């Protein structure tokens, strides 16, 4: 609204009215340009987010192609090879060797099944709708700790959990993020006589930073860029079990929340995973 007032009772002259109308049109154009700029900025942010999601999806597609051509073929080769070995052992009357071959076949089938389940979990994390709301991060961490209790068994683990804030996000998928990160921390501190797992946050102007730190075996920082790729593993299967899909799922969920995730580590000393959760819905 553009208002012109005068302390005197009079009629505006035509030239004065023309000036007022010109000023009004100028203000209208300025407002229109401001709205257009705001809409353009919003579209730019949406395009940047879409580009990030597309890049992540392309990386996952490449990893899936690699997995289908390499990782999934390994258990298939085991099944085929050890079935033949078992058949020959039975023909020679050696049931013990046939039993060992069948055990390898069973393990290969279990490995293949676990990888297929992991791929389905990654797919669901990509398409599952998100419901943004205010959630209590401390409650999610408590539930996540209960979710990994079966992995702890009789181990000595010291949990150091700070007072955690309320954050914006989707409770179901963020619960999955925390379970995966805590499960990782429990697994990779297994060689430690006294494991220490810390969980905390740091407030920022635009987002909370949440971190999970452990004193586990760590990894070589030179390979940090491979860490969040599907089926990427930095440790041998014989040392630590897993499909290499958990962190890829975590990354997808955090990206969909408009945040980012990274890891820092010192080999032999431990690892810290950090991710951000924006204060506003992306």
Protein backbone atom coordinates (compact mmCIF):
# COMPACT_ATOMS: atom_id res chain seq x y z
CA UNK A 1 0.00 0.00 0.00
CA UNK A 2 1.33 3.44 -0.99
CA UNK A 3 -0.23 6.35 0.93
CA UNK A 4 0.37 10.10 0.49
CA UNK A 5 -0.97 12.46 3.17
CA UNK A 6 -1.14 16.24 3.58
CA UNK A 7 -2.05 18.43 6.60
CA UNK A 8 -4.00 20.72 4.25
CA UNK A 9 -7.39 20.09 2.69
CA UNK A 10 -6.91 20.42 -1.03
CA UNK A 11 -7.20 18.55 -4.26
CA UNK A 12 -4.10 17.02 -5.81
CA UNK A 13 -3.15 18.64 -9.08
CA UNK A 14 -2.99 16.41 -12.16
CA UNK A 15 0.81 16.68 -12.30
CA UNK A 16 1.03 15.73 -8.61
CA UNK A 17 -1.25 12.76 -9.19
CA UNK A 18 0.97 11.70 -12.12
CA UNK A 19 4.02 11.78 -9.84
CA UNK A 20 2.24 9.67 -7.23
CA UNK A 21 1.12 7.16 -9.83
CA UNK A 22 4.69 6.94 -11.20
CA UNK A 23 6.06 6.36 -7.71
CA UNK A 24 3.41 3.70 -7.11
CA UNK A 25 4.31 1.93 -10.35
CA UNK A 26 8.02 2.08 -9.46
CA UNK A 27 7.36 0.59 -6.04
CA UNK A 28 5.20 -2.12 -7.59
CA UNK A 29 7.97 -3.01 -10.06
CA UNK A 30 10.51 -3.09 -7.23
CA UNK A 31 8.32 -5.43 -5.21
CA UNK A 32 7.73 -7.64 -8.23
CA UNK A 33 11.48 -7.88 -8.87
CA UNK A 34 12.05 -8.71 -5.20
CA UNK A 35 9.47 -11.49 -5.35
CA UNK A 36 11.00 -12.82 -8.57
CA UNK A 37 14.47 -12.79 -6.98
CA UNK A 38 13.17 -14.64 -3.93
CA UNK A 39 11.45 -17.24 -6.13
CA UNK A 40 14.64 -17.63 -8.19
CA UNK A 41 16.72 -18.16 -5.06
CA UNK A 42 14.26 -20.78 -3.84
CA UNK A 43 14.33 -22.56 -7.22
CA UNK A 44 18.15 -22.41 -7.16
CA UNK A 45 18.25 -24.04 -3.71
CA UNK A 46 15.80 -26.70 -4.85
CA UNK A 47 17.89 -27.33 -7.97
CA UNK A 48 21.07 -27.63 -5.90
CA UNK A 49 19.38 -30.12 -3.58
CA UNK A 50 18.03 -32.07 -6.56
CA UNK A 51 21.51 -32.11 -8.09
CA UNK A 52 22.97 -33.46 -4.84
CA UNK A 53 20.32 -36.18 -4.72
CA UNK A 54 20.86 -37.00 -8.41
CA UNK A 55 24.61 -37.22 -7.89
CA UNK A 56 24.10 -39.54 -4.92
CA UNK A 57 21.64 -41.65 -6.92
CA UNK A 58 24.11 -41.92 -9.82
CA UNK A 59 26.88 -42.97 -7.45
CA UNK A 60 24.60 -45.59 -5.96
CA UNK A 61 23.62 -46.82 -9.43
CA UNK A 62 27.29 -47.19 -10.35
CA UNK A 63 27.93 -49.03 -7.11
CA UNK A 64 24.94 -51.28 -7.74
CA UNK A 65 26.25 -52.12 -11.22
CA UNK A 66 29.64 -52.93 -9.73
CA UNK A 67 28.05 -55.02 -7.02
CA UNK A 68 25.89 -56.95 -9.47
CA UNK A 69 28.95 -57.70 -11.62
CA UNK A 70 31.39 -58.40 -8.80
CA UNK A 71 30.15 -58.69 -5.22
CA UNK A 72 27.07 -60.78 -5.99
CA UNK A 73 29.02 -63.02 -8.35
CA UNK A 74 31.41 -64.06 -5.59
CA UNK A 75 28.84 -66.01 -3.53
CA UNK A 76 27.37 -67.37 -6.78
CA UNK A 77 30.80 -68.74 -7.73
CA UNK A 78 31.12 -70.24 -4.26
CA UNK A 79 27.75 -71.94 -4.58
CA UNK A 80 28.57 -73.36 -7.99
CA UNK A 81 32.12 -74.43 -7.13
CA UNK A 82 31.39 -76.05 -3.78
CA UNK A 83 28.27 -77.82 -5.05
CA UNK A 84 30.55 -79.49 -7.61
CA UNK A 85 33.10 -80.29 -4.90
CA UNK A 86 30.38 -81.81 -2.72
CA UNK A 87 29.12 -83.91 -5.61
CA UNK A 88 32.60 -85.29 -6.27
CA UNK A 89 33.12 -85.97 -2.57
CA UNK A 90 29.88 -87.97 -2.42
CA UNK A 91 30.89 -89.93 -5.54
CA UNK A 92 34.16 -90.84 -3.78
CA UNK A 93 32.37 -91.79 -0.60
CA UNK A 94 33.71 -88.87 1.45
CA UNK A 95 30.67 -87.49 3.31
CA UNK A 96 32.81 -85.29 5.62
CA UNK A 97 34.18 -83.29 2.69
CA UNK A 98 30.71 -83.07 1.18
CA UNK A 99 29.39 -81.67 4.49
CA UNK A 100 32.11 -78.99 4.57
CA UNK A 101 31.28 -78.02 0.98
CA UNK A 102 27.60 -77.73 1.86
CA UNK A 103 28.46 -75.47 4.80
CA UNK A 104 30.33 -73.12 2.45
CA UNK A 105 27.34 -73.15 0.08
CA UNK A 106 25.04 -72.29 2.98
CA UNK A 107 27.28 -69.39 4.03
CA UNK A 108 27.42 -68.06 0.46
CA UNK A 109 23.63 -68.18 0.21
CA UNK A 110 23.32 -66.29 3.51
CA UNK A 111 25.79 -63.67 2.26
CA UNK A 112 23.84 -63.21 -0.97
CA UNK A 113 20.57 -62.90 0.94
CA UNK A 114 22.06 -60.27 3.26
CA UNK A 115 23.31 -58.23 0.31
CA UNK A 116 19.90 -58.34 -1.39
CA UNK A 117 18.20 -57.23 1.86
CA UNK A 118 20.74 -54.39 2.14
CA UNK A 119 20.00 -53.20 -1.38
CA UNK A 120 16.28 -53.19 -0.62
CA UNK A 121 16.92 -51.18 2.58
CA UNK A 122 18.91 -48.61 0.59
CA UNK A 123 16.11 -48.38 -1.97
CA UNK A 124 13.48 -47.86 0.73
CA UNK A 125 15.54 -45.09 2.36
CA UNK A 126 15.46 -43.24 -0.97
CA UNK A 127 11.71 -43.35 -1.60
CA UNK A 128 10.25 -43.48 1.92
CA UNK A 129 8.29 -40.24 2.55
CA UNK A 130 9.66 -37.98 5.30
CA UNK A 131 7.55 -36.34 7.97
CA UNK A 132 9.38 -33.32 9.41
CA UNK A 133 8.54 -32.52 13.00
CA UNK A 134 10.22 -31.52 16.26
CA UNK A 135 11.74 -34.67 17.78
CA UNK A 136 13.70 -35.39 20.94
CA UNK A 137 17.15 -36.54 19.88
CA UNK A 138 17.83 -38.01 23.32
CA UNK A 139 14.85 -40.36 23.00
CA UNK A 140 16.09 -41.54 19.58
CA UNK A 141 19.55 -42.24 21.01
CA UNK A 142 18.03 -44.24 23.91
CA UNK A 143 16.02 -46.35 21.44
CA UNK A 144 19.09 -46.81 19.24
CA UNK A 145 21.15 -48.04 22.20
CA UNK A 146 18.46 -50.59 22.98
CA UNK A 147 18.48 -51.57 19.31
CA UNK A 148 22.17 -52.55 19.43
CA UNK A 149 22.08 -54.26 22.85
CA UNK A 150 22.19 -57.71 21.25
CA UNK A 151 25.59 -56.79 19.73
CA UNK A 152 27.03 -55.71 23.08
CA UNK A 153 26.56 -59.01 24.99
CA UNK A 154 29.08 -59.16 27.89
CA UNK A 155 31.41 -56.46 26.62
CA UNK A 156 32.55 -53.49 28.66
CA UNK A 157 31.28 -50.37 26.88
CA UNK A 158 31.32 -46.90 28.43
CA UNK A 159 28.57 -44.73 26.96
CA UNK A 160 29.13 -40.99 27.22
CA UNK A 161 25.96 -39.24 26.08
CA UNK A 162 25.61 -35.47 26.38
CA UNK A 163 22.34 -33.71 27.06
CA UNK A 164 20.75 -33.79 23.63
CA UNK A 165 18.43 -31.16 22.10
CA UNK A 166 15.22 -31.27 20.12
CA UNK A 167 15.80 -31.23 16.38
CA UNK A 168 13.78 -31.02 13.17
CA UNK A 169 13.47 -34.22 11.15
CA UNK A 170 11.77 -37.50 10.43
CA UNK A 171 11.83 -39.69 13.54
CA UNK A 172 11.68 -43.07 11.76
CA UNK A 173 14.57 -42.50 9.35
CA UNK A 174 16.74 -40.63 11.88
CA UNK A 175 16.24 -43.60 14.21
CA UNK A 176 17.71 -45.76 11.45
CA UNK A 177 20.67 -43.36 11.12
CA UNK A 178 21.49 -43.58 14.83
CA UNK A 179 21.10 -47.36 14.97
CA UNK A 180 23.51 -47.75 12.05
CA UNK A 181 26.09 -45.37 13.53
CA UNK A 182 25.92 -46.89 17.02
CA UNK A 183 26.07 -50.40 15.56
CA UNK A 184 29.21 -49.38 13.66
CA UNK A 185 30.77 -47.98 16.83
CA UNK A 186 29.97 -51.17 18.78
CA UNK A 187 31.37 -53.37 16.01
CA UNK A 188 34.63 -51.53 15.44
CA UNK A 189 35.43 -51.18 19.15
CA UNK A 190 35.19 -54.97 19.57
CA UNK A 191 38.99 -55.42 19.88
CA UNK A 192 39.09 -52.90 22.74
CA UNK A 193 39.07 -54.17 26.32
CA UNK A 194 37.34 -50.94 27.36
CA UNK A 195 35.24 -49.46 24.56
CA UNK A 196 34.16 -45.82 24.77
CA UNK A 197 31.34 -44.45 22.62
CA UNK A 198 30.44 -40.75 22.84
CA UNK A 199 27.40 -38.95 21.43
CA UNK A 200 26.99 -35.20 21.40
CA UNK A 201 25.82 -32.16 19.48
CA UNK A 202 26.95 -28.66 18.59
CA UNK A 203 24.55 -25.81 17.88
CA UNK A 204 24.95 -23.77 14.71
CA UNK A 205 23.14 -20.79 13.20
CA UNK A 206 21.50 -22.92 10.50
CA UNK A 207 21.79 -26.49 11.76
CA UNK A 208 22.65 -28.83 14.59
CA UNK A 209 25.79 -30.93 14.20
CA UNK A 210 25.43 -34.40 15.72
CA UNK A 211 28.47 -36.62 16.25
CA UNK A 212 29.18 -40.20 17.31
CA UNK A 213 32.76 -40.91 18.41
CA UNK A 214 34.42 -44.21 19.33
CA UNK A 215 37.88 -45.45 20.33
CA UNK A 216 37.79 -48.34 17.88
CA UNK A 217 40.18 -49.53 15.19
CA UNK A 218 39.60 -46.50 12.94
CA UNK A 219 40.50 -46.38 9.25
CA UNK A 220 43.03 -44.79 6.93
CA UNK A 221 41.80 -41.21 6.24
CA UNK A 222 43.07 -41.54 2.66
CA UNK A 223 40.05 -43.75 1.94
CA UNK A 224 37.45 -41.54 3.62
CA UNK A 225 35.84 -40.64 0.27
CA UNK A 226 34.92 -44.31 -0.28
CA UNK A 227 33.31 -44.71 3.10
CA UNK A 228 29.72 -43.77 2.19
CA UNK A 229 29.53 -45.60 -1.13
CA UNK A 230 27.26 -48.67 -1.33
CA UNK A 231 29.12 -51.96 -0.75
CA UNK A 232 32.36 -50.12 0.01
CA UNK A 233 34.29 -51.72 2.88
CA UNK A 234 37.58 -50.60 4.42
CA UNK A 235 38.09 -53.80 6.46
CA UNK A 236 38.16 -57.44 5.46
CA UNK A 237 35.01 -59.53 5.93
CA UNK A 238 37.04 -61.93 8.07
CA UNK A 239 37.79 -59.07 10.51
CA UNK A 240 34.41 -57.34 10.68
CA UNK A 241 31.13 -58.59 9.25
CA UNK A 242 28.81 -56.40 7.20
CA UNK A 243 27.53 -55.66 3.71
CA UNK A 244 28.93 -52.14 3.32
CA UNK A 245 25.46 -50.66 2.84
CA UNK A 246 24.72 -49.13 6.26
CA UNK A 247 26.67 -45.90 5.80
CA UNK A 248 25.32 -45.44 2.27
CA UNK A 249 21.81 -45.61 3.74
CA UNK A 250 22.76 -43.12 6.46
CA UNK A 251 24.12 -40.73 3.84
CA UNK A 252 20.94 -40.92 1.75
CA UNK A 253 18.75 -40.15 4.78
CA UNK A 254 20.87 -37.18 5.87
CA UNK A 255 20.94 -35.77 2.34
CA UNK A 256 17.15 -35.99 2.18
CA UNK A 257 17.02 -33.97 5.41
CA UNK A 258 19.07 -31.24 3.72
CA UNK A 259 22.16 -32.03 5.80
CA UNK A 260 25.57 -33.51 5.15
CA UNK A 261 27.67 -36.24 6.75
CA UNK A 262 31.40 -36.84 7.06
CA UNK A 263 33.87 -38.91 9.05
CA UNK A 264 37.28 -38.31 10.57
CA UNK A 265 39.55 -41.04 11.86
CA UNK A 266 43.00 -42.00 13.07
CA UNK A 267 43.96 -45.56 12.24
CA UNK A 268 44.14 -47.58 15.43
CA UNK A 269 42.69 -44.81 17.61
CA UNK A 270 39.03 -44.35 16.64
CA UNK A 271 36.51 -42.65 14.38
CA UNK A 272 34.08 -39.75 14.60
CA UNK A 273 30.98 -39.59 12.39
CA UNK A 274 29.31 -36.17 12.16
CA UNK A 275 26.15 -35.05 10.40
CA UNK A 276 24.06 -31.89 10.26
CA UNK A 277 20.31 -31.39 10.67
CA UNK A 278 19.01 -28.00 9.47
CA UNK A 279 16.76 -26.04 11.81
CA UNK A 280 14.17 -25.58 9.04
CA UNK A 281 12.61 -28.09 6.71
CA UNK A 282 14.59 -28.36 3.45
